[in-house]
N, C-alpha and C. Protein backbone atom coordinates (compact mmCIF):
# COMPACT_ATOMS: atom_id res chain seq x y z
N MET A 1 8.29 21.16 -12.75
CA MET A 1 7.21 21.21 -11.79
C MET A 1 7.71 20.69 -10.45
N ALA A 2 7.59 21.49 -9.44
CA ALA A 2 7.98 21.07 -8.09
C ALA A 2 6.85 20.24 -7.48
N THR A 3 7.21 19.26 -6.69
CA THR A 3 6.20 18.43 -6.02
C THR A 3 5.66 19.18 -4.82
N GLU A 4 4.35 19.33 -4.80
CA GLU A 4 3.72 20.06 -3.72
C GLU A 4 3.48 19.15 -2.51
N LEU A 5 3.48 19.76 -1.34
CA LEU A 5 3.35 19.01 -0.09
C LEU A 5 2.03 18.25 -0.01
N TRP A 6 0.94 18.85 -0.51
CA TRP A 6 -0.36 18.18 -0.44
C TRP A 6 -0.36 16.89 -1.26
N SER A 7 0.40 16.88 -2.37
CA SER A 7 0.42 15.66 -3.18
C SER A 7 1.20 14.55 -2.47
N ILE A 8 2.24 14.93 -1.73
CA ILE A 8 2.96 13.93 -0.92
C ILE A 8 2.04 13.38 0.17
N GLY A 9 1.24 14.26 0.78
CA GLY A 9 0.27 13.82 1.78
C GLY A 9 -0.74 12.84 1.21
N LEU A 10 -1.22 13.14 0.00
CA LEU A 10 -2.17 12.22 -0.64
C LEU A 10 -1.52 10.87 -0.96
N VAL A 11 -0.27 10.89 -1.35
CA VAL A 11 0.42 9.63 -1.63
C VAL A 11 0.56 8.81 -0.35
N ILE A 12 0.81 9.47 0.76
CA ILE A 12 0.91 8.75 2.04
C ILE A 12 -0.45 8.14 2.40
N VAL A 13 -1.54 8.87 2.15
CA VAL A 13 -2.88 8.30 2.36
C VAL A 13 -3.08 7.10 1.45
N ALA A 14 -2.65 7.22 0.18
CA ALA A 14 -2.76 6.11 -0.76
C ALA A 14 -1.94 4.91 -0.30
N VAL A 15 -0.78 5.17 0.30
CA VAL A 15 0.06 4.08 0.82
C VAL A 15 -0.68 3.33 1.93
N LEU A 16 -1.26 4.08 2.85
CA LEU A 16 -1.96 3.45 3.98
C LEU A 16 -3.17 2.66 3.51
N LEU A 17 -3.94 3.26 2.60
CA LEU A 17 -5.10 2.53 2.05
C LEU A 17 -4.63 1.32 1.23
N GLY A 18 -3.60 1.55 0.42
CA GLY A 18 -3.07 0.48 -0.41
C GLY A 18 -2.48 -0.67 0.38
N ALA A 19 -2.09 -0.41 1.61
CA ALA A 19 -1.57 -1.48 2.46
C ALA A 19 -2.70 -2.24 3.16
N ALA A 20 -3.78 -1.55 3.44
CA ALA A 20 -4.92 -2.21 4.08
C ALA A 20 -5.61 -3.18 3.11
N GLY A 21 -5.61 -2.83 1.83
CA GLY A 21 -6.25 -3.67 0.82
C GLY A 21 -5.75 -5.10 0.80
N PRO A 22 -4.44 -5.32 0.66
CA PRO A 22 -3.94 -6.69 0.61
C PRO A 22 -4.16 -7.49 1.90
N ILE A 23 -4.16 -6.79 3.02
CA ILE A 23 -4.41 -7.50 4.30
C ILE A 23 -5.83 -8.06 4.28
N LEU A 24 -6.79 -7.23 3.88
CA LEU A 24 -8.18 -7.69 3.81
C LEU A 24 -8.36 -8.77 2.74
N ILE A 25 -7.69 -8.59 1.61
CA ILE A 25 -7.78 -9.60 0.55
C ILE A 25 -7.21 -10.94 1.04
N LYS A 26 -6.11 -10.89 1.75
CA LYS A 26 -5.51 -12.12 2.31
C LYS A 26 -6.49 -12.79 3.27
N LYS A 27 -7.14 -11.98 4.12
CA LYS A 27 -8.13 -12.56 5.03
C LYS A 27 -9.31 -13.15 4.26
N GLY A 28 -9.71 -12.47 3.19
CA GLY A 28 -10.82 -12.95 2.37
C GLY A 28 -10.45 -14.17 1.54
N ALA A 29 -9.17 -14.35 1.27
CA ALA A 29 -8.74 -15.49 0.46
C ALA A 29 -9.05 -16.82 1.14
N HIS A 30 -9.12 -16.79 2.47
CA HIS A 30 -9.44 -18.01 3.22
C HIS A 30 -10.82 -18.55 2.83
N ASP A 31 -11.76 -17.65 2.58
CA ASP A 31 -13.13 -18.04 2.24
C ASP A 31 -13.43 -17.86 0.75
N PHE A 32 -12.40 -17.75 -0.09
CA PHE A 32 -12.60 -17.49 -1.50
C PHE A 32 -13.29 -18.66 -2.19
N SER A 33 -14.20 -18.30 -3.10
CA SER A 33 -14.89 -19.30 -3.90
C SER A 33 -15.28 -18.65 -5.22
N PHE A 34 -15.34 -19.45 -6.28
CA PHE A 34 -15.80 -18.94 -7.57
C PHE A 34 -17.32 -18.89 -7.64
N ASN A 35 -17.97 -19.40 -6.62
CA ASN A 35 -19.42 -19.35 -6.55
C ASN A 35 -19.83 -17.89 -6.33
N PRO A 36 -20.61 -17.30 -7.25
CA PRO A 36 -20.96 -15.87 -7.13
C PRO A 36 -21.66 -15.51 -5.82
N ARG A 37 -22.49 -16.39 -5.30
CA ARG A 37 -23.19 -16.10 -4.03
C ARG A 37 -22.20 -16.02 -2.88
N LYS A 38 -21.29 -16.98 -2.82
CA LYS A 38 -20.28 -16.97 -1.75
C LYS A 38 -19.31 -15.82 -1.93
N LEU A 39 -18.99 -15.51 -3.16
CA LEU A 39 -18.06 -14.42 -3.45
C LEU A 39 -18.61 -13.09 -2.96
N LEU A 40 -19.89 -12.85 -3.20
CA LEU A 40 -20.51 -11.58 -2.78
C LEU A 40 -20.68 -11.49 -1.27
N LYS A 41 -20.62 -12.61 -0.58
CA LYS A 41 -20.72 -12.61 0.88
C LYS A 41 -19.36 -12.48 1.56
N ASN A 42 -18.29 -12.51 0.78
CA ASN A 42 -16.94 -12.44 1.31
C ASN A 42 -16.59 -10.97 1.56
N LYS A 43 -16.94 -10.49 2.74
CA LYS A 43 -16.81 -9.06 3.06
C LYS A 43 -15.35 -8.59 3.05
N ASN A 44 -14.44 -9.40 3.56
CA ASN A 44 -13.03 -9.00 3.57
C ASN A 44 -12.49 -8.83 2.15
N LEU A 45 -12.83 -9.76 1.28
CA LEU A 45 -12.36 -9.70 -0.09
C LEU A 45 -12.92 -8.48 -0.81
N ILE A 46 -14.22 -8.27 -0.70
CA ILE A 46 -14.88 -7.12 -1.35
C ILE A 46 -14.33 -5.81 -0.81
N LEU A 47 -14.20 -5.70 0.51
CA LEU A 47 -13.69 -4.47 1.12
C LEU A 47 -12.23 -4.23 0.72
N GLY A 48 -11.43 -5.29 0.68
CA GLY A 48 -10.03 -5.15 0.27
C GLY A 48 -9.90 -4.63 -1.14
N ILE A 49 -10.69 -5.17 -2.05
CA ILE A 49 -10.67 -4.70 -3.44
C ILE A 49 -11.13 -3.26 -3.53
N LEU A 50 -12.18 -2.91 -2.81
CA LEU A 50 -12.70 -1.55 -2.81
C LEU A 50 -11.65 -0.56 -2.28
N ILE A 51 -10.98 -0.93 -1.20
CA ILE A 51 -9.95 -0.05 -0.64
C ILE A 51 -8.79 0.10 -1.62
N TYR A 52 -8.44 -0.96 -2.32
CA TYR A 52 -7.40 -0.88 -3.35
C TYR A 52 -7.78 0.12 -4.44
N VAL A 53 -9.02 0.05 -4.88
CA VAL A 53 -9.50 0.96 -5.93
C VAL A 53 -9.48 2.41 -5.43
N ILE A 54 -9.96 2.63 -4.21
CA ILE A 54 -9.94 3.98 -3.64
C ILE A 54 -8.51 4.49 -3.54
N SER A 55 -7.61 3.64 -3.13
CA SER A 55 -6.19 4.00 -3.03
C SER A 55 -5.65 4.45 -4.38
N SER A 56 -6.04 3.77 -5.43
CA SER A 56 -5.58 4.13 -6.78
C SER A 56 -6.09 5.51 -7.18
N PHE A 57 -7.34 5.82 -6.86
CA PHE A 57 -7.89 7.13 -7.19
C PHE A 57 -7.22 8.24 -6.38
N VAL A 58 -6.91 7.96 -5.13
CA VAL A 58 -6.19 8.95 -4.31
C VAL A 58 -4.81 9.20 -4.91
N TYR A 59 -4.15 8.15 -5.36
CA TYR A 59 -2.82 8.27 -5.97
C TYR A 59 -2.90 9.09 -7.27
N ILE A 60 -3.91 8.83 -8.07
CA ILE A 60 -4.09 9.58 -9.31
C ILE A 60 -4.27 11.06 -9.01
N ALA A 61 -5.06 11.38 -7.99
CA ALA A 61 -5.24 12.78 -7.60
C ALA A 61 -3.93 13.40 -7.15
N ALA A 62 -3.11 12.63 -6.45
CA ALA A 62 -1.81 13.13 -5.97
C ALA A 62 -0.88 13.45 -7.13
N LEU A 63 -0.97 12.67 -8.19
CA LEU A 63 -0.08 12.88 -9.33
C LEU A 63 -0.27 14.24 -9.99
N ARG A 64 -1.41 14.85 -9.78
CA ARG A 64 -1.66 16.18 -10.35
C ARG A 64 -0.79 17.25 -9.73
N GLY A 65 -0.27 16.99 -8.53
CA GLY A 65 0.49 18.02 -7.84
C GLY A 65 1.97 17.73 -7.66
N GLY A 66 2.48 16.77 -8.42
CA GLY A 66 3.89 16.48 -8.21
C GLY A 66 4.53 15.69 -9.32
N GLU A 67 5.81 15.52 -9.17
CA GLU A 67 6.60 14.78 -10.15
C GLU A 67 6.49 13.28 -9.88
N LEU A 68 6.30 12.54 -10.93
CA LEU A 68 6.19 11.09 -10.80
C LEU A 68 7.48 10.49 -10.22
N SER A 69 8.61 11.07 -10.55
CA SER A 69 9.88 10.55 -10.06
C SER A 69 10.05 10.73 -8.55
N VAL A 70 9.25 11.58 -7.96
CA VAL A 70 9.26 11.77 -6.50
C VAL A 70 8.15 10.95 -5.86
N LEU A 71 6.96 10.99 -6.45
CA LEU A 71 5.79 10.36 -5.82
C LEU A 71 5.77 8.83 -5.96
N ALA A 72 6.20 8.31 -7.09
CA ALA A 72 6.15 6.86 -7.30
C ALA A 72 6.99 6.08 -6.29
N PRO A 73 8.21 6.53 -5.97
CA PRO A 73 8.98 5.77 -4.97
C PRO A 73 8.33 5.77 -3.59
N ILE A 74 7.57 6.80 -3.26
CA ILE A 74 6.91 6.84 -1.95
C ILE A 74 5.90 5.70 -1.84
N ILE A 75 5.31 5.33 -2.96
CA ILE A 75 4.35 4.23 -2.97
C ILE A 75 5.00 2.93 -2.49
N SER A 76 6.31 2.80 -2.70
CA SER A 76 6.99 1.58 -2.25
C SER A 76 6.94 1.42 -0.74
N LEU A 77 6.61 2.49 -0.02
CA LEU A 77 6.46 2.36 1.43
C LEU A 77 5.28 1.46 1.80
N SER A 78 4.41 1.20 0.84
CA SER A 78 3.30 0.28 1.12
C SER A 78 3.83 -1.11 1.45
N TYR A 79 4.99 -1.49 0.88
CA TYR A 79 5.60 -2.78 1.22
C TYR A 79 6.00 -2.82 2.69
N VAL A 80 6.46 -1.70 3.19
CA VAL A 80 6.84 -1.60 4.60
C VAL A 80 5.61 -1.75 5.48
N VAL A 81 4.56 -1.01 5.14
CA VAL A 81 3.33 -1.03 5.94
C VAL A 81 2.68 -2.41 5.87
N VAL A 82 2.63 -3.00 4.69
CA VAL A 82 2.04 -4.35 4.55
C VAL A 82 2.81 -5.36 5.39
N SER A 83 4.13 -5.25 5.39
CA SER A 83 4.94 -6.19 6.18
C SER A 83 4.64 -6.06 7.67
N ILE A 84 4.56 -4.83 8.14
CA ILE A 84 4.27 -4.60 9.56
C ILE A 84 2.86 -5.08 9.90
N LEU A 85 1.89 -4.77 9.05
CA LEU A 85 0.51 -5.22 9.30
C LEU A 85 0.41 -6.75 9.22
N SER A 86 1.19 -7.37 8.34
CA SER A 86 1.17 -8.83 8.23
C SER A 86 1.66 -9.49 9.51
N ILE A 87 2.65 -8.88 10.12
CA ILE A 87 3.16 -9.41 11.39
C ILE A 87 2.10 -9.26 12.48
N ARG A 88 1.52 -8.06 12.56
CA ARG A 88 0.58 -7.76 13.65
C ARG A 88 -0.78 -8.44 13.46
N LEU A 89 -1.29 -8.45 12.23
CA LEU A 89 -2.67 -8.91 12.02
C LEU A 89 -2.78 -10.34 11.49
N LEU A 90 -1.75 -10.81 10.80
CA LEU A 90 -1.81 -12.14 10.21
C LEU A 90 -0.83 -13.12 10.85
N ASN A 91 -0.10 -12.66 11.87
CA ASN A 91 0.87 -13.47 12.58
C ASN A 91 1.93 -14.08 11.66
N GLU A 92 2.33 -13.32 10.65
CA GLU A 92 3.39 -13.78 9.76
C GLU A 92 4.74 -13.44 10.38
N ARG A 93 5.77 -14.13 9.93
CA ARG A 93 7.12 -13.92 10.45
C ARG A 93 7.99 -13.26 9.38
N MET A 94 8.93 -12.46 9.86
CA MET A 94 9.87 -11.78 8.97
C MET A 94 11.28 -12.21 9.34
N GLY A 95 12.02 -12.65 8.34
CA GLY A 95 13.41 -13.03 8.57
C GLY A 95 14.34 -11.85 8.32
N LEU A 96 15.61 -12.08 8.53
CA LEU A 96 16.63 -11.04 8.37
C LEU A 96 16.65 -10.48 6.95
N LEU A 97 16.49 -11.34 5.96
CA LEU A 97 16.52 -10.88 4.57
C LEU A 97 15.35 -9.94 4.28
N LYS A 98 14.16 -10.27 4.77
CA LYS A 98 13.01 -9.39 4.57
C LYS A 98 13.20 -8.06 5.28
N TRP A 99 13.70 -8.10 6.51
CA TRP A 99 13.93 -6.85 7.24
C TRP A 99 14.98 -6.00 6.54
N SER A 100 15.99 -6.65 5.94
CA SER A 100 17.00 -5.91 5.19
C SER A 100 16.37 -5.20 4.00
N GLY A 101 15.48 -5.87 3.32
CA GLY A 101 14.76 -5.25 2.20
C GLY A 101 13.96 -4.05 2.64
N ILE A 102 13.29 -4.17 3.79
CA ILE A 102 12.50 -3.06 4.33
C ILE A 102 13.41 -1.86 4.62
N VAL A 103 14.56 -2.12 5.22
CA VAL A 103 15.51 -1.04 5.52
C VAL A 103 15.96 -0.35 4.23
N PHE A 104 16.27 -1.13 3.19
CA PHE A 104 16.70 -0.55 1.92
C PHE A 104 15.59 0.29 1.28
N ILE A 105 14.36 -0.15 1.39
CA ILE A 105 13.24 0.65 0.86
C ILE A 105 13.17 1.99 1.58
N ILE A 106 13.25 1.96 2.90
CA ILE A 106 13.18 3.20 3.68
C ILE A 106 14.34 4.13 3.33
N ILE A 107 15.54 3.58 3.21
CA ILE A 107 16.71 4.39 2.84
C ILE A 107 16.51 5.00 1.45
N GLY A 108 16.04 4.21 0.50
CA GLY A 108 15.84 4.70 -0.86
C GLY A 108 14.83 5.82 -0.93
N VAL A 109 13.70 5.66 -0.27
CA VAL A 109 12.67 6.70 -0.28
C VAL A 109 13.19 7.95 0.42
N SER A 110 13.94 7.78 1.48
CA SER A 110 14.52 8.93 2.20
C SER A 110 15.49 9.70 1.31
N LEU A 111 16.32 8.99 0.57
CA LEU A 111 17.28 9.65 -0.31
C LEU A 111 16.57 10.44 -1.41
N ILE A 112 15.51 9.88 -1.96
CA ILE A 112 14.75 10.60 -2.97
C ILE A 112 14.12 11.85 -2.39
N GLY A 113 13.63 11.74 -1.16
CA GLY A 113 13.05 12.90 -0.48
C GLY A 113 14.05 13.98 -0.21
N LEU A 114 15.27 13.59 0.12
CA LEU A 114 16.32 14.57 0.42
C LEU A 114 16.79 15.32 -0.82
N PHE A 115 16.81 14.64 -1.95
CA PHE A 115 17.40 15.22 -3.16
C PHE A 115 16.37 15.61 -4.21
N GLN A 116 15.14 15.82 -3.82
CA GLN A 116 14.12 16.18 -4.82
C GLN A 116 14.30 17.53 -5.35
């Protein structure tokens, strides 16, 4: 089965949604509480979890049109997006080792794309 272009597009959408989820969850973690009333008022946490779930369903739909060996590595790009969003939105810092990891992820996904 050849991987269809639309399934790659859906995986990219899943990557973007899947990267937004942890950012919102991290923001919601600041106000996290086991108190059910406070938990239900934690909009960032609830929205982050919801976006994560939606991302999973988009990924499942994408799997119908492609090979897992091609689509699964693309999901690793979410680490790249999360890192960039963490710098921009959470003021986190990235050292040389983390940037090296990001470069290796991009190279790996590119190689899989070239040789599919």
